[in-house]
N, C-alpha and C. Protein backbone atom coordinates (compact mmCIF):
# COMPACT_ATOMS: atom_id res chain seq x y z
N MET A 1 -4.80 9.09 -1.25
CA MET A 1 -5.16 9.86 -2.42
C MET A 1 -6.39 10.71 -2.10
N ARG A 2 -6.54 11.77 -2.88
CA ARG A 2 -7.64 12.72 -2.66
C ARG A 2 -8.61 12.64 -3.84
N PHE A 3 -9.90 12.47 -3.55
CA PHE A 3 -10.91 12.31 -4.58
C PHE A 3 -12.04 13.29 -4.39
N LEU A 4 -12.55 13.79 -5.51
CA LEU A 4 -13.79 14.55 -5.55
C LEU A 4 -14.76 13.68 -6.35
N VAL A 5 -15.81 13.20 -5.70
CA VAL A 5 -16.73 12.25 -6.32
C VAL A 5 -17.90 13.03 -6.95
N ASP A 6 -18.10 12.81 -8.22
CA ASP A 6 -19.12 13.52 -8.99
C ASP A 6 -20.52 13.18 -8.49
N ALA A 7 -21.45 14.09 -8.71
CA ALA A 7 -22.82 13.95 -8.22
C ALA A 7 -23.54 12.75 -8.84
N CYS A 8 -23.14 12.33 -10.03
CA CYS A 8 -23.81 11.20 -10.67
C CYS A 8 -23.37 9.85 -10.09
N VAL A 9 -22.38 9.87 -9.22
CA VAL A 9 -21.87 8.66 -8.58
C VAL A 9 -22.49 8.55 -7.19
N ASP A 10 -22.91 7.35 -6.82
CA ASP A 10 -23.53 7.11 -5.52
C ASP A 10 -22.62 7.57 -4.39
N VAL A 11 -23.20 8.24 -3.41
CA VAL A 11 -22.43 8.74 -2.26
C VAL A 11 -21.71 7.62 -1.52
N ARG A 12 -22.21 6.39 -1.63
CA ARG A 12 -21.54 5.26 -0.98
C ARG A 12 -20.16 5.00 -1.53
N VAL A 13 -19.88 5.47 -2.74
CA VAL A 13 -18.53 5.35 -3.29
C VAL A 13 -17.56 6.22 -2.50
N ALA A 14 -17.97 7.43 -2.17
CA ALA A 14 -17.12 8.31 -1.34
C ALA A 14 -16.93 7.68 0.03
N GLU A 15 -17.98 7.10 0.59
CA GLU A 15 -17.86 6.45 1.89
C GLU A 15 -16.88 5.28 1.82
N TRP A 16 -16.94 4.50 0.73
CA TRP A 16 -16.00 3.38 0.56
C TRP A 16 -14.57 3.89 0.44
N LEU A 17 -14.37 4.94 -0.33
CA LEU A 17 -13.03 5.51 -0.47
C LEU A 17 -12.47 5.92 0.89
N ARG A 18 -13.29 6.56 1.70
CA ARG A 18 -12.84 6.94 3.05
C ARG A 18 -12.52 5.71 3.89
N SER A 19 -13.29 4.64 3.73
CA SER A 19 -13.01 3.41 4.48
C SER A 19 -11.69 2.79 4.05
N GLN A 20 -11.23 3.14 2.84
CA GLN A 20 -9.94 2.66 2.33
C GLN A 20 -8.81 3.64 2.64
N LYS A 21 -9.08 4.60 3.51
CA LYS A 21 -8.11 5.59 4.00
C LYS A 21 -7.77 6.68 2.99
N HIS A 22 -8.66 6.90 2.01
CA HIS A 22 -8.48 8.00 1.07
C HIS A 22 -9.24 9.22 1.58
N ASP A 23 -8.83 10.38 1.13
CA ASP A 23 -9.51 11.63 1.44
C ASP A 23 -10.51 11.85 0.30
N ALA A 24 -11.78 11.59 0.56
CA ALA A 24 -12.80 11.68 -0.49
C ALA A 24 -13.97 12.52 -0.02
N VAL A 25 -14.44 13.38 -0.92
CA VAL A 25 -15.66 14.15 -0.67
C VAL A 25 -16.58 14.00 -1.88
N HIS A 26 -17.86 13.99 -1.61
CA HIS A 26 -18.87 13.87 -2.66
C HIS A 26 -19.48 15.25 -2.87
N LEU A 27 -19.77 15.58 -4.12
CA LEU A 27 -20.35 16.89 -4.41
C LEU A 27 -21.63 17.14 -3.64
N HIS A 28 -22.44 16.12 -3.40
CA HIS A 28 -23.66 16.31 -2.62
C HIS A 28 -23.34 16.68 -1.17
N GLU A 29 -22.27 16.13 -0.62
CA GLU A 29 -21.87 16.46 0.75
C GLU A 29 -21.48 17.93 0.85
N LEU A 30 -21.00 18.47 -0.26
CA LEU A 30 -20.59 19.87 -0.31
C LEU A 30 -21.72 20.79 -0.76
N LYS A 31 -22.90 20.20 -0.99
CA LYS A 31 -24.06 20.95 -1.50
C LYS A 31 -23.77 21.54 -2.87
N LEU A 32 -23.02 20.79 -3.71
CA LEU A 32 -22.63 21.25 -5.04
C LEU A 32 -23.07 20.28 -6.13
N GLY A 33 -24.18 19.63 -5.92
CA GLY A 33 -24.65 18.61 -6.85
C GLY A 33 -24.98 19.09 -8.24
N ARG A 34 -25.20 20.37 -8.42
CA ARG A 34 -25.63 20.89 -9.73
C ARG A 34 -24.64 21.88 -10.35
N ILE A 35 -23.39 21.87 -9.93
CA ILE A 35 -22.45 22.82 -10.53
C ILE A 35 -21.98 22.29 -11.89
N PRO A 36 -21.62 23.19 -12.80
CA PRO A 36 -21.15 22.78 -14.13
C PRO A 36 -19.82 22.02 -14.03
N ASP A 37 -19.57 21.17 -15.03
CA ASP A 37 -18.35 20.37 -15.06
C ASP A 37 -17.09 21.23 -14.91
N VAL A 38 -17.07 22.38 -15.57
CA VAL A 38 -15.88 23.23 -15.49
C VAL A 38 -15.60 23.63 -14.05
N GLU A 39 -16.64 23.86 -13.28
CA GLU A 39 -16.46 24.21 -11.87
C GLU A 39 -16.00 23.01 -11.05
N ILE A 40 -16.48 21.83 -11.42
CA ILE A 40 -16.02 20.61 -10.75
C ILE A 40 -14.53 20.45 -10.96
N PHE A 41 -14.07 20.62 -12.20
CA PHE A 41 -12.64 20.47 -12.48
C PHE A 41 -11.82 21.56 -11.79
N ARG A 42 -12.32 22.78 -11.76
CA ARG A 42 -11.59 23.85 -11.06
C ARG A 42 -11.42 23.50 -9.59
N ARG A 43 -12.48 23.02 -8.98
CA ARG A 43 -12.42 22.65 -7.56
C ARG A 43 -11.45 21.48 -7.36
N ALA A 44 -11.52 20.50 -8.24
CA ALA A 44 -10.63 19.35 -8.14
C ALA A 44 -9.17 19.77 -8.24
N VAL A 45 -8.87 20.64 -9.17
CA VAL A 45 -7.49 21.11 -9.33
C VAL A 45 -7.07 21.92 -8.10
N ALA A 46 -7.93 22.82 -7.64
CA ALA A 46 -7.60 23.66 -6.49
C ALA A 46 -7.36 22.84 -5.23
N GLU A 47 -8.07 21.71 -5.11
CA GLU A 47 -7.94 20.87 -3.92
C GLU A 47 -7.06 19.65 -4.16
N ASP A 48 -6.42 19.58 -5.33
CA ASP A 48 -5.56 18.45 -5.68
C ASP A 48 -6.35 17.14 -5.66
N ARG A 49 -7.53 17.15 -6.30
CA ARG A 49 -8.40 15.98 -6.40
C ARG A 49 -8.87 15.85 -7.85
N CYS A 50 -9.05 14.60 -8.30
CA CYS A 50 -9.72 14.44 -9.59
C CYS A 50 -9.97 12.98 -9.93
N VAL A 51 -11.23 12.65 -10.22
CA VAL A 51 -11.63 11.36 -10.79
C VAL A 51 -12.88 11.60 -11.61
N LEU A 52 -12.98 10.95 -12.77
CA LEU A 52 -14.14 11.08 -13.64
C LEU A 52 -14.63 9.69 -14.00
N PHE A 53 -15.92 9.42 -13.87
CA PHE A 53 -16.49 8.12 -14.19
C PHE A 53 -17.45 8.21 -15.36
N ARG A 54 -17.34 7.24 -16.26
CA ARG A 54 -18.31 7.07 -17.34
C ARG A 54 -18.62 5.59 -17.43
N LEU A 55 -19.42 5.08 -16.54
CA LEU A 55 -19.74 3.66 -16.52
C LEU A 55 -21.16 3.42 -17.00
N GLY A 56 -21.32 2.35 -17.79
CA GLY A 56 -22.66 1.97 -18.24
C GLY A 56 -23.50 1.47 -17.08
N ASP A 57 -22.88 0.79 -16.12
CA ASP A 57 -23.57 0.30 -14.93
C ASP A 57 -23.18 1.20 -13.77
N PRO A 58 -24.02 2.18 -13.43
CA PRO A 58 -23.64 3.14 -12.39
C PRO A 58 -23.87 2.64 -10.96
N GLY A 59 -24.25 1.36 -10.81
CA GLY A 59 -24.46 0.83 -9.47
C GLY A 59 -23.21 0.99 -8.63
N TYR A 60 -23.37 1.40 -7.38
CA TYR A 60 -22.21 1.73 -6.57
C TYR A 60 -21.27 0.54 -6.39
N ARG A 61 -21.78 -0.67 -6.34
CA ARG A 61 -20.89 -1.84 -6.19
C ARG A 61 -19.98 -1.98 -7.42
N ARG A 62 -20.52 -1.77 -8.60
CA ARG A 62 -19.73 -1.85 -9.84
C ARG A 62 -18.71 -0.71 -9.88
N VAL A 63 -19.11 0.47 -9.48
CA VAL A 63 -18.19 1.61 -9.46
C VAL A 63 -17.03 1.31 -8.50
N ILE A 64 -17.34 0.80 -7.33
CA ILE A 64 -16.29 0.47 -6.35
C ILE A 64 -15.36 -0.60 -6.91
N GLU A 65 -15.92 -1.61 -7.55
CA GLU A 65 -15.10 -2.68 -8.14
C GLU A 65 -14.12 -2.11 -9.17
N ARG A 66 -14.62 -1.26 -10.08
CA ARG A 66 -13.76 -0.66 -11.12
C ARG A 66 -12.75 0.30 -10.49
N LEU A 67 -13.20 1.09 -9.53
CA LEU A 67 -12.31 2.04 -8.88
C LEU A 67 -11.18 1.34 -8.16
N ALA A 68 -11.48 0.26 -7.46
CA ALA A 68 -10.45 -0.50 -6.75
C ALA A 68 -9.39 -1.01 -7.74
N ALA A 69 -9.83 -1.51 -8.88
CA ALA A 69 -8.89 -2.01 -9.89
C ALA A 69 -8.04 -0.88 -10.46
N VAL A 70 -8.66 0.27 -10.73
CA VAL A 70 -7.92 1.40 -11.30
C VAL A 70 -6.92 1.96 -10.30
N ILE A 71 -7.32 2.10 -9.06
CA ILE A 71 -6.40 2.61 -8.04
C ILE A 71 -5.21 1.67 -7.90
N ALA A 72 -5.47 0.38 -7.90
CA ALA A 72 -4.39 -0.60 -7.76
C ALA A 72 -3.40 -0.52 -8.92
N GLY A 73 -3.89 -0.24 -10.12
CA GLY A 73 -3.03 -0.22 -11.28
C GLY A 73 -2.53 1.15 -11.71
N SER A 74 -3.11 2.21 -11.17
CA SER A 74 -2.78 3.56 -11.64
C SER A 74 -2.46 4.53 -10.51
N GLY A 75 -2.13 4.02 -9.35
CA GLY A 75 -1.85 4.88 -8.20
C GLY A 75 -0.78 5.92 -8.47
N ASP A 76 0.28 5.53 -9.17
CA ASP A 76 1.36 6.48 -9.47
C ASP A 76 0.86 7.61 -10.37
N ALA A 77 0.06 7.27 -11.37
CA ALA A 77 -0.47 8.29 -12.28
C ALA A 77 -1.40 9.25 -11.53
N ILE A 78 -2.23 8.69 -10.66
CA ILE A 78 -3.14 9.53 -9.88
C ILE A 78 -2.34 10.46 -8.99
N ALA A 79 -1.29 9.93 -8.37
CA ALA A 79 -0.45 10.74 -7.49
C ALA A 79 0.24 11.87 -8.25
N LYS A 80 0.48 11.68 -9.56
CA LYS A 80 1.12 12.71 -10.38
C LYS A 80 0.11 13.73 -10.91
N GLY A 81 -1.18 13.55 -10.56
CA GLY A 81 -2.19 14.51 -10.97
C GLY A 81 -2.90 14.17 -12.26
N ALA A 82 -2.82 12.93 -12.70
CA ALA A 82 -3.49 12.54 -13.93
C ALA A 82 -5.00 12.52 -13.74
N VAL A 83 -5.71 12.74 -14.81
CA VAL A 83 -7.15 12.57 -14.85
C VAL A 83 -7.39 11.15 -15.34
N ILE A 84 -8.22 10.40 -14.62
CA ILE A 84 -8.49 9.03 -14.98
C ILE A 84 -9.96 8.91 -15.39
N SER A 85 -10.20 8.50 -16.63
CA SER A 85 -11.56 8.22 -17.09
C SER A 85 -11.76 6.72 -16.96
N VAL A 86 -12.78 6.31 -16.24
CA VAL A 86 -13.03 4.90 -15.98
C VAL A 86 -14.28 4.48 -16.72
N GLU A 87 -14.14 3.46 -17.56
CA GLU A 87 -15.26 2.90 -18.30
C GLU A 87 -15.45 1.46 -17.86
N ASP A 88 -16.49 0.80 -18.38
CA ASP A 88 -16.77 -0.57 -17.96
C ASP A 88 -15.62 -1.54 -18.22
N ALA A 89 -14.98 -1.43 -19.37
CA ALA A 89 -13.97 -2.42 -19.75
C ALA A 89 -12.55 -1.87 -19.80
N ARG A 90 -12.38 -0.57 -19.61
CA ARG A 90 -11.04 0.00 -19.67
C ARG A 90 -11.01 1.31 -18.90
N HIS A 91 -9.82 1.85 -18.77
CA HIS A 91 -9.69 3.20 -18.20
C HIS A 91 -8.61 3.93 -18.97
N ARG A 92 -8.71 5.24 -18.98
CA ARG A 92 -7.77 6.08 -19.72
C ARG A 92 -7.08 7.01 -18.75
N VAL A 93 -5.75 7.06 -18.84
CA VAL A 93 -4.94 7.96 -18.02
C VAL A 93 -4.57 9.15 -18.88
N ARG A 94 -4.93 10.35 -18.41
CA ARG A 94 -4.62 11.57 -19.15
C ARG A 94 -3.84 12.50 -18.23
N TYR A 95 -2.64 12.83 -18.65
CA TYR A 95 -1.84 13.79 -17.89
C TYR A 95 -2.13 15.20 -18.36
N LEU A 96 -2.09 16.12 -17.47
CA LEU A 96 -2.33 17.51 -17.82
C LEU A 96 -1.02 18.20 -18.16
N PRO A 97 -0.96 19.04 -19.16
CA PRO A 97 -2.08 19.37 -20.03
C PRO A 97 -2.44 18.18 -20.93
N ILE A 98 -3.73 18.06 -21.27
CA ILE A 98 -4.21 16.97 -22.12
C ILE A 98 -3.45 17.00 -23.44
N GLY A 99 -3.06 15.81 -23.90
CA GLY A 99 -2.32 15.71 -25.15
C GLY A 99 -0.82 15.63 -24.94
N GLY A 100 -0.39 15.60 -23.68
CA GLY A 100 1.03 15.45 -23.41
C GLY A 100 1.53 14.08 -23.83
N THR A 101 2.82 13.91 -23.86
CA THR A 101 3.40 12.67 -24.36
C THR A 101 3.15 11.48 -23.44
N GLU A 102 2.71 11.71 -22.21
CA GLU A 102 2.49 10.60 -21.29
C GLU A 102 1.08 10.03 -21.35
N ASP A 103 0.15 10.63 -22.11
CA ASP A 103 -1.22 10.11 -22.17
C ASP A 103 -1.19 8.70 -22.71
N ARG A 104 -2.06 7.86 -22.14
CA ARG A 104 -2.14 6.49 -22.62
C ARG A 104 -3.51 5.91 -22.29
N ASP A 105 -3.87 4.84 -23.00
CA ASP A 105 -5.11 4.09 -22.71
C ASP A 105 -4.74 2.88 -21.88
């Protein structure tokens, strides 16, 4: 899978994803740590990448733990181009365009 890791997420998350054989880049690695969200999404779409995190505990170990669980349970949705919002206790799968019949919590 291909991931674009947001600047608010520890760079070690991108490193972990690569160790799991995923194609992952971090916005800081691209020198894009301060670009607007709309530009992040444009880049993600153009490069066939997308993940969004909203965790109360932003520690990289917790992010990796949640990400591992979401990838294990939502790999098919991610492969279809879904946007996945990951929270502490749940995650939301959103298919594009947002509001389609396949969206689910």
